[in-house]
Amino acid sequence: MSYAVVTTPDADADLFDACSWYAEQSEDLDLDFLDDLREVTEQIALLPNSYPTVYKSIRLALMRRFPYKVFFIVEEPERQAVLLAVIHHARHPRTWKKRV
C-alpha cells in the first residue's frame, strides 16, 4: 500500500516559483517540470523509506530531469510523506534547514 504525499505551504511556494520561472523560459517547460515532479512523488509514495536521510529525519529525493531536490519526512502511522521543500541544487542548504 502506498503512502499519501502531501505538501507544506513552503513546498507549495517553492513549486509555484519554479513553475512560474520555467513557464517564462519556454512554452510547456513548466508542465515538463510538473511531470518530473509527479514521477518522483510517485516513487516517494511507493517507497519513501528507501531514500537517504540527510538531516535528522528528513529524506532527499532528486528530480530526474530538472536540477531540484525534494526534501520530505515520512510520518507513521499516518502513512504519509510530507514534502517540506523543493529546492534548486544551487540554493544554499540553509534555505530548507530553517524550515525544520
N, C-alpha and C. Protein backbone atom coordinates (compact mmCIF):
# COMPACT_ATOMS: atom_id res chain seq x y z
N MET A 1 0.84 -1.18 0.00
CA MET A 1 0.00 0.00 0.00
C MET A 1 0.89 1.24 0.00
N SER A 2 0.57 2.17 -0.85
CA SER A 2 1.42 3.35 -0.97
C SER A 2 1.08 4.42 0.07
N TYR A 3 1.97 5.34 0.23
CA TYR A 3 1.82 6.44 1.16
C TYR A 3 1.16 7.62 0.45
N ALA A 4 0.47 8.43 1.21
CA ALA A 4 -0.05 9.70 0.69
C ALA A 4 1.11 10.68 0.64
N VAL A 5 1.14 11.52 -0.37
CA VAL A 5 2.16 12.57 -0.46
C VAL A 5 1.44 13.90 -0.33
N VAL A 6 1.84 14.66 0.68
CA VAL A 6 1.24 15.97 0.92
C VAL A 6 2.34 17.03 0.92
N THR A 7 1.96 18.27 0.66
CA THR A 7 2.94 19.35 0.64
C THR A 7 2.63 20.37 1.72
N THR A 8 3.67 21.00 2.20
CA THR A 8 3.52 22.10 3.14
C THR A 8 3.33 23.39 2.35
N PRO A 9 2.86 24.45 2.98
CA PRO A 9 2.76 25.74 2.29
C PRO A 9 4.11 26.21 1.72
N ASP A 10 5.20 25.96 2.42
CA ASP A 10 6.53 26.34 1.91
C ASP A 10 6.87 25.58 0.64
N ALA A 11 6.58 24.29 0.61
CA ALA A 11 6.84 23.49 -0.58
C ALA A 11 5.95 23.95 -1.73
N ASP A 12 4.70 24.28 -1.42
CA ASP A 12 3.80 24.81 -2.45
C ASP A 12 4.37 26.09 -3.05
N ALA A 13 4.91 26.96 -2.20
CA ALA A 13 5.51 28.21 -2.69
C ALA A 13 6.73 27.92 -3.56
N ASP A 14 7.54 26.94 -3.17
CA ASP A 14 8.69 26.54 -3.98
C ASP A 14 8.23 26.10 -5.37
N LEU A 15 7.19 25.29 -5.40
CA LEU A 15 6.68 24.77 -6.67
C LEU A 15 6.10 25.88 -7.54
N PHE A 16 5.39 26.79 -6.93
CA PHE A 16 4.83 27.92 -7.68
C PHE A 16 5.95 28.75 -8.31
N ASP A 17 7.00 29.04 -7.52
CA ASP A 17 8.12 29.83 -8.03
C ASP A 17 8.83 29.11 -9.18
N ALA A 18 9.09 27.82 -9.01
CA ALA A 18 9.78 27.06 -10.06
C ALA A 18 8.94 26.99 -11.33
N CYS A 19 7.66 26.69 -11.17
CA CYS A 19 6.78 26.60 -12.35
C CYS A 19 6.67 27.94 -13.06
N SER A 20 6.58 29.01 -12.30
CA SER A 20 6.50 30.34 -12.91
C SER A 20 7.76 30.65 -13.71
N TRP A 21 8.91 30.32 -13.13
CA TRP A 21 10.17 30.60 -13.82
C TRP A 21 10.27 29.78 -15.10
N TYR A 22 9.97 28.48 -15.02
CA TYR A 22 10.05 27.63 -16.22
C TYR A 22 9.03 28.04 -17.28
N ALA A 23 7.87 28.50 -16.87
CA ALA A 23 6.85 28.95 -17.83
C ALA A 23 7.35 30.15 -18.63
N GLU A 24 8.14 31.00 -17.99
CA GLU A 24 8.70 32.17 -18.67
C GLU A 24 9.82 31.80 -19.63
N GLN A 25 10.47 30.67 -19.39
CA GLN A 25 11.63 30.28 -20.19
C GLN A 25 11.23 29.68 -21.54
N SER A 26 10.21 28.84 -21.51
CA SER A 26 9.82 28.13 -22.72
C SER A 26 8.41 27.59 -22.58
N GLU A 27 7.70 27.56 -23.68
CA GLU A 27 6.34 27.06 -23.66
C GLU A 27 6.31 25.60 -23.19
N ASP A 28 5.46 25.32 -22.26
CA ASP A 28 5.24 23.98 -21.70
C ASP A 28 6.38 23.45 -20.85
N LEU A 29 7.42 24.23 -20.62
CA LEU A 29 8.51 23.73 -19.77
C LEU A 29 8.04 23.56 -18.33
N ASP A 30 7.11 24.40 -17.90
CA ASP A 30 6.55 24.24 -16.57
C ASP A 30 5.78 22.92 -16.44
N LEU A 31 5.13 22.52 -17.52
CA LEU A 31 4.42 21.24 -17.50
C LEU A 31 5.39 20.06 -17.45
N ASP A 32 6.52 20.20 -18.14
CA ASP A 32 7.56 19.17 -18.06
C ASP A 32 8.11 19.07 -16.64
N PHE A 33 8.29 20.22 -16.01
CA PHE A 33 8.76 20.24 -14.61
C PHE A 33 7.76 19.49 -13.72
N LEU A 34 6.48 19.78 -13.89
CA LEU A 34 5.46 19.12 -13.07
C LEU A 34 5.40 17.62 -13.35
N ASP A 35 5.63 17.20 -14.60
CA ASP A 35 5.68 15.77 -14.92
C ASP A 35 6.85 15.10 -14.19
N ASP A 36 8.00 15.77 -14.19
CA ASP A 36 9.17 15.23 -13.49
C ASP A 36 8.88 15.13 -11.99
N LEU A 37 8.24 16.15 -11.44
CA LEU A 37 7.89 16.13 -10.03
C LEU A 37 6.90 15.01 -9.73
N ARG A 38 5.92 14.81 -10.62
CA ARG A 38 4.95 13.74 -10.44
C ARG A 38 5.64 12.38 -10.38
N GLU A 39 6.62 12.18 -11.26
CA GLU A 39 7.35 10.91 -11.27
C GLU A 39 8.05 10.66 -9.94
N VAL A 40 8.72 11.68 -9.43
CA VAL A 40 9.45 11.50 -8.18
C VAL A 40 8.49 11.32 -7.00
N THR A 41 7.37 12.03 -7.00
CA THR A 41 6.43 11.86 -5.89
C THR A 41 5.75 10.49 -5.94
N GLU A 42 5.55 9.96 -7.13
CA GLU A 42 5.00 8.60 -7.23
C GLU A 42 5.97 7.58 -6.64
N GLN A 43 7.26 7.78 -6.88
CA GLN A 43 8.27 6.88 -6.31
C GLN A 43 8.35 7.05 -4.80
N ILE A 44 8.25 8.29 -4.33
CA ILE A 44 8.24 8.53 -2.89
C ILE A 44 7.04 7.83 -2.25
N ALA A 45 5.88 7.91 -2.90
CA ALA A 45 4.67 7.29 -2.37
C ALA A 45 4.83 5.77 -2.25
N LEU A 46 5.54 5.17 -3.19
CA LEU A 46 5.72 3.72 -3.18
C LEU A 46 6.74 3.26 -2.14
N LEU A 47 7.88 3.94 -2.08
CA LEU A 47 8.97 3.50 -1.20
C LEU A 47 9.64 4.69 -0.49
N PRO A 48 8.93 5.39 0.36
CA PRO A 48 9.51 6.59 0.96
C PRO A 48 10.74 6.33 1.83
N ASN A 49 10.78 5.18 2.47
CA ASN A 49 11.91 4.90 3.37
C ASN A 49 13.15 4.43 2.63
N SER A 50 13.08 4.31 1.31
CA SER A 50 14.25 3.90 0.55
C SER A 50 15.17 5.08 0.22
N TYR A 51 14.70 6.29 0.47
CA TYR A 51 15.50 7.48 0.17
C TYR A 51 16.40 7.80 1.36
N PRO A 52 17.59 8.34 1.09
CA PRO A 52 18.54 8.60 2.17
C PRO A 52 18.08 9.71 3.11
N THR A 53 18.41 9.52 4.37
CA THR A 53 18.17 10.56 5.37
C THR A 53 19.36 11.51 5.31
N VAL A 54 19.08 12.80 5.18
CA VAL A 54 20.15 13.77 5.03
C VAL A 54 20.31 14.70 6.23
N TYR A 55 19.27 14.79 7.05
CA TYR A 55 19.34 15.67 8.23
C TYR A 55 18.20 15.27 9.15
N LYS A 56 18.56 14.88 10.37
CA LYS A 56 17.56 14.40 11.32
C LYS A 56 16.68 13.34 10.64
N SER A 57 15.39 13.56 10.52
CA SER A 57 14.52 12.57 9.87
C SER A 57 14.13 12.98 8.45
N ILE A 58 14.82 13.95 7.91
CA ILE A 58 14.49 14.46 6.57
C ILE A 58 15.19 13.63 5.51
N ARG A 59 14.42 13.24 4.52
CA ARG A 59 14.92 12.43 3.41
C ARG A 59 15.02 13.27 2.15
N LEU A 60 15.82 12.78 1.21
CA LEU A 60 16.09 13.51 -0.02
C LEU A 60 15.81 12.65 -1.24
N ALA A 61 15.07 13.25 -2.19
CA ALA A 61 14.86 12.64 -3.50
C ALA A 61 15.28 13.66 -4.54
N LEU A 62 15.89 13.18 -5.61
CA LEU A 62 16.33 14.07 -6.69
C LEU A 62 15.38 13.94 -7.87
N MET A 63 15.06 15.07 -8.47
CA MET A 63 14.28 15.03 -9.69
C MET A 63 15.20 14.57 -10.81
N ARG A 64 14.65 13.88 -11.79
CA ARG A 64 15.48 13.29 -12.84
C ARG A 64 15.96 14.30 -13.87
N ARG A 65 15.06 15.09 -14.40
CA ARG A 65 15.42 15.98 -15.50
C ARG A 65 15.82 17.38 -15.03
N PHE A 66 15.20 17.84 -13.99
CA PHE A 66 15.44 19.21 -13.52
C PHE A 66 16.33 19.20 -12.29
N PRO A 67 17.14 20.24 -12.12
CA PRO A 67 18.11 20.27 -11.01
C PRO A 67 17.48 20.68 -9.68
N TYR A 68 16.55 19.87 -9.22
CA TYR A 68 15.85 20.17 -7.98
C TYR A 68 15.95 19.01 -7.00
N LYS A 69 15.98 19.35 -5.72
CA LYS A 69 15.99 18.38 -4.64
C LYS A 69 14.64 18.45 -3.93
N VAL A 70 14.10 17.31 -3.59
CA VAL A 70 12.83 17.23 -2.88
C VAL A 70 13.14 16.71 -1.47
N PHE A 71 12.88 17.54 -0.48
CA PHE A 71 13.10 17.18 0.92
C PHE A 71 11.76 16.82 1.54
N PHE A 72 11.73 15.70 2.26
CA PHE A 72 10.47 15.25 2.84
C PHE A 72 10.70 14.44 4.10
N ILE A 73 9.65 14.30 4.87
CA ILE A 73 9.67 13.43 6.04
C ILE A 73 8.59 12.38 5.87
N VAL A 74 8.80 11.25 6.51
CA VAL A 74 7.82 10.17 6.48
C VAL A 74 7.13 10.16 7.85
N GLU A 75 5.81 10.23 7.82
CA GLU A 75 5.04 10.21 9.06
C GLU A 75 4.34 8.87 9.19
N GLU A 76 4.61 8.22 10.31
CA GLU A 76 3.94 6.96 10.65
C GLU A 76 3.16 7.23 11.93
N PRO A 77 2.06 6.66 12.18
CA PRO A 77 1.36 5.64 11.41
C PRO A 77 0.44 6.22 10.33
N GLU A 78 0.53 7.53 10.10
CA GLU A 78 -0.34 8.16 9.11
C GLU A 78 -0.08 7.66 7.69
N ARG A 79 1.08 7.07 7.50
CA ARG A 79 1.50 6.58 6.17
C ARG A 79 1.45 7.70 5.14
N GLN A 80 2.16 8.78 5.48
CA GLN A 80 2.24 9.87 4.52
C GLN A 80 3.66 10.42 4.47
N ALA A 81 3.99 10.93 3.29
CA ALA A 81 5.26 11.62 3.08
C ALA A 81 4.92 13.10 2.93
N VAL A 82 5.56 13.91 3.73
CA VAL A 82 5.27 15.34 3.73
C VAL A 82 6.42 16.07 3.05
N LEU A 83 6.14 16.70 1.90
CA LEU A 83 7.17 17.47 1.19
C LEU A 83 7.38 18.78 1.92
N LEU A 84 8.62 19.00 2.36
CA LEU A 84 8.98 20.21 3.09
C LEU A 84 9.52 21.30 2.17
N ALA A 85 10.24 20.87 1.13
CA ALA A 85 10.88 21.83 0.24
C ALA A 85 11.18 21.18 -1.10
N VAL A 86 11.11 21.98 -2.14
CA VAL A 86 11.53 21.58 -3.49
C VAL A 86 12.46 22.69 -3.93
N ILE A 87 13.76 22.43 -3.79
CA ILE A 87 14.77 23.48 -3.88
C ILE A 87 15.75 23.19 -5.02
N HIS A 88 16.11 24.22 -5.76
CA HIS A 88 17.13 24.11 -6.81
C HIS A 88 18.46 23.71 -6.19
N HIS A 89 19.21 22.90 -6.89
CA HIS A 89 20.50 22.40 -6.38
C HIS A 89 21.45 23.52 -5.98
N ALA A 90 21.38 24.66 -6.66
CA ALA A 90 22.33 25.75 -6.40
C ALA A 90 22.01 26.53 -5.13
N ARG A 91 20.82 26.36 -4.58
CA ARG A 91 20.46 27.11 -3.38
C ARG A 91 21.18 26.57 -2.17
N HIS A 92 21.45 27.45 -1.23
CA HIS A 92 22.16 27.09 0.00
C HIS A 92 21.30 26.17 0.87
N PRO A 93 21.90 25.16 1.51
CA PRO A 93 21.13 24.24 2.35
C PRO A 93 20.36 24.93 3.47
N ARG A 94 20.83 26.07 3.88
CA ARG A 94 20.14 26.81 4.93
C ARG A 94 18.69 27.12 4.53
N THR A 95 18.44 27.20 3.23
CA THR A 95 17.11 27.52 2.73
C THR A 95 16.07 26.54 3.24
N TRP A 96 16.36 25.25 3.21
CA TRP A 96 15.39 24.28 3.67
C TRP A 96 15.59 23.92 5.13
N LYS A 97 16.79 24.01 5.65
CA LYS A 97 17.02 23.61 7.05
C LYS A 97 16.30 24.53 8.03
N LYS A 98 16.13 25.79 7.66
CA LYS A 98 15.44 26.70 8.59
C LYS A 98 13.95 26.41 8.66
N ARG A 99 13.45 25.54 7.80
CA ARG A 99 12.03 25.17 7.83
C ARG A 99 11.75 24.04 8.82
N VAL A 100 12.80 23.43 9.31
CA VAL A 100 12.65 22.27 10.23
C VAL A 100 12.48 22.75 11.65
